Protein backbone atom coordinates (compact mmCIF):
# COMPACT_ATOMS: atom_id res chain seq x y z
CA MET A 1 -97.97 -154.98 -5.32
CA LYS A 2 -97.68 -151.82 -7.69
CA PRO A 3 -94.95 -149.44 -7.42
CA GLY A 4 -97.73 -146.61 -6.92
CA THR A 5 -98.95 -148.34 -3.86
CA THR A 6 -95.48 -148.73 -2.32
CA SER A 7 -95.01 -144.71 -2.79
CA PHE A 8 -98.59 -144.21 -1.37
CA PHE A 9 -97.53 -146.20 1.82
CA LEU A 10 -94.24 -144.26 2.16
CA LYS A 11 -96.00 -140.83 1.65
CA ILE A 12 -98.53 -141.73 4.20
CA TYR A 13 -95.91 -143.02 6.73
CA HIS A 14 -93.98 -139.77 6.16
CA HIS A 15 -97.00 -137.60 6.94
CA LEU A 16 -97.74 -139.60 10.16
CA LEU A 17 -94.26 -139.26 11.35
CA VAL A 18 -94.77 -135.39 11.24
CA LEU A 19 -97.30 -136.08 14.38
CA TYR A 20 -94.28 -136.74 16.41
CA PRO A 21 -92.57 -133.80 18.23
CA VAL A 22 -90.43 -131.62 15.86
CA GLU A 23 -87.06 -132.31 17.60
CA PHE A 24 -88.03 -136.26 17.60
CA PHE A 25 -89.07 -135.98 13.88
CA ILE A 26 -85.82 -134.06 12.88
CA GLU A 27 -83.54 -136.62 14.80
CA PHE A 28 -85.19 -139.75 14.01
CA GLY A 29 -87.60 -139.16 11.15
CA PRO A 30 -85.15 -140.17 8.28
CA GLU A 31 -83.80 -143.27 9.83
CA MET A 32 -87.65 -144.41 10.61
CA GLU A 33 -88.65 -143.95 6.99
CA ALA A 34 -85.51 -145.81 5.83
CA VAL A 35 -86.22 -148.87 7.96
CA PHE A 36 -90.05 -148.72 7.11
CA SER A 37 -89.02 -148.37 3.42
CA GLU A 38 -86.72 -151.37 3.80
CA ALA A 39 -89.38 -153.45 5.74
CA LEU A 40 -91.96 -152.58 2.97
CA THR A 41 -89.49 -153.75 0.35
CA GLU A 42 -89.02 -157.11 1.99
CA ALA A 43 -92.72 -157.50 2.70
CA GLN A 44 -93.64 -156.91 -0.90
CA GLN A 45 -91.33 -159.62 -2.03
CA LYS A 46 -93.66 -162.05 -0.13
CA GLY A 47 -96.82 -160.50 -1.68
CA ALA A 48 -99.37 -157.59 -1.18
CA GLY A 49 -100.84 -159.22 2.01
CA PRO A 50 -97.65 -159.02 4.10
CA ALA A 51 -96.95 -155.50 2.79
CA LEU A 52 -100.47 -154.45 3.93
CA ILE A 53 -100.13 -156.07 7.24
CA LEU A 54 -96.97 -154.14 7.76
CA PHE A 55 -98.70 -150.93 7.08
CA LEU A 56 -101.32 -151.57 9.15
CA ARG A 57 -99.22 -152.71 12.10
CA GLU A 58 -97.35 -149.37 11.98
CA LEU A 59 -100.78 -147.71 12.00
CA GLN A 60 -101.74 -149.52 15.05
CA ASP A 61 -98.47 -148.79 17.01
CA LEU A 62 -98.64 -145.12 16.02
CA PRO A 63 -100.98 -143.92 19.05
CA ARG A 64 -98.74 -145.52 21.54
CA SER A 65 -95.75 -144.08 20.23
CA LEU A 66 -97.03 -140.63 20.07
């Protein structure tokens, strides 16, 4: 997977985190971004497919989390 794709996923993820209540985002946002970044890095080592699946899984879970 290209480095630009990684930063794209991370930017989208950050913007999605902003949908959470402000207090939650301030307290947990940085940690959530760090965990997602680490998981994305690990998934990319297995290929583009696992990285995409990780990202889509996060999108799927977002409505329930909000």
